[in-house]
Protein backbone atom coordinates (compact mmCIF):
# COMPACT_ATOMS: atom_id res chain seq x y z
CA MET A 1 -7.54 22.80 -1.25
CA ARG A 2 -6.54 20.31 -3.84
CA ASP A 3 -3.46 18.90 -2.05
CA ALA A 4 -4.93 18.90 1.46
CA ILE A 5 -6.08 15.79 3.30
CA LEU A 6 -9.36 15.76 5.20
CA VAL A 7 -8.59 14.49 8.71
CA LYS A 8 -12.09 14.52 10.20
CA GLU A 9 -12.96 11.05 11.58
CA LYS A 10 -9.34 9.85 11.14
CA PRO A 11 -7.71 8.09 14.11
CA LEU A 12 -5.26 10.10 16.21
CA GLU A 13 -2.75 8.21 18.34
CA ARG A 14 -1.78 10.08 21.53
CA GLY A 15 0.50 7.93 23.63
CA SER A 16 -1.28 4.63 24.18
CA ASP A 17 -4.73 6.10 23.41
CA GLU A 18 -6.51 6.40 20.08
CA PHE A 19 -9.07 9.11 19.39
CA LYS A 20 -11.25 9.98 16.39
CA ILE A 21 -10.85 13.52 15.12
CA GLY A 22 -14.08 15.47 15.15
CA ASP A 23 -15.04 19.06 14.43
CA VAL A 24 -12.92 22.19 14.69
CA TYR A 25 -14.20 25.11 16.76
CA LEU A 26 -13.27 28.78 17.08
CA ALA A 27 -13.66 29.85 20.72
CA PRO A 28 -14.58 33.39 21.80
CA ASN A 29 -10.95 33.90 22.90
CA GLY A 30 -9.79 33.48 19.27
CA GLU A 31 -8.28 30.01 19.80
CA PHE A 32 -9.07 27.10 17.50
CA TYR A 33 -9.92 23.78 19.17
CA ILE A 34 -10.17 20.31 17.71
CA GLU A 35 -12.68 17.79 19.03
CA LEU A 36 -11.27 14.36 19.97
CA LYS A 37 -13.62 11.43 20.63
CA LYS A 38 -13.01 8.09 22.34
CA ALA A 39 -15.60 5.55 23.52
CA GLY A 40 -18.42 8.02 24.00
CA THR A 41 -16.19 10.66 25.61
CA THR A 42 -15.37 13.93 23.88
CA MET A 43 -12.60 16.37 24.71
CA ASN A 44 -11.35 19.52 23.05
CA MET A 45 -7.69 20.37 22.49
CA ARG A 46 -6.08 23.56 21.24
CA ILE A 47 -4.93 23.06 17.67
CA GLN A 48 -1.59 24.70 18.52
CA GLU A 49 -0.95 22.04 21.19
CA LEU A 50 -1.85 19.24 18.78
CA LYS A 51 0.46 20.72 16.16
CA GLU A 52 3.32 20.69 18.69
CA GLU A 53 2.60 17.04 19.57
CA LEU A 54 2.52 16.05 15.89
CA ASN A 55 5.79 17.86 15.18
CA SER A 56 7.51 16.25 18.18
CA GLY A 57 6.27 12.77 17.28
CA THR A 58 4.33 12.19 20.51
CA SER A 59 1.09 12.01 18.48
CA ARG A 60 0.31 10.90 14.96
CA ILE A 61 -2.66 10.88 12.62
CA LYS A 62 -3.35 7.60 10.82
CA LEU A 63 -4.19 8.80 7.32
CA ASN A 64 -4.42 5.40 5.60
CA THR A 65 -7.56 4.22 7.36
């Protein structure tokens, strides 16, 4: 994917919090989840939900870091 940007380990701003983007997982229910890490804590979020947040402007990925 020549024009794509690798986002793994990039910072993700969600509200006043900043997370590092981790791995992507395919769950048994067919949903894709993205791993978000912050200060030793890890959470998983549906990629569809993250896409909606990015499109609405409530979250953003810092690509220049």
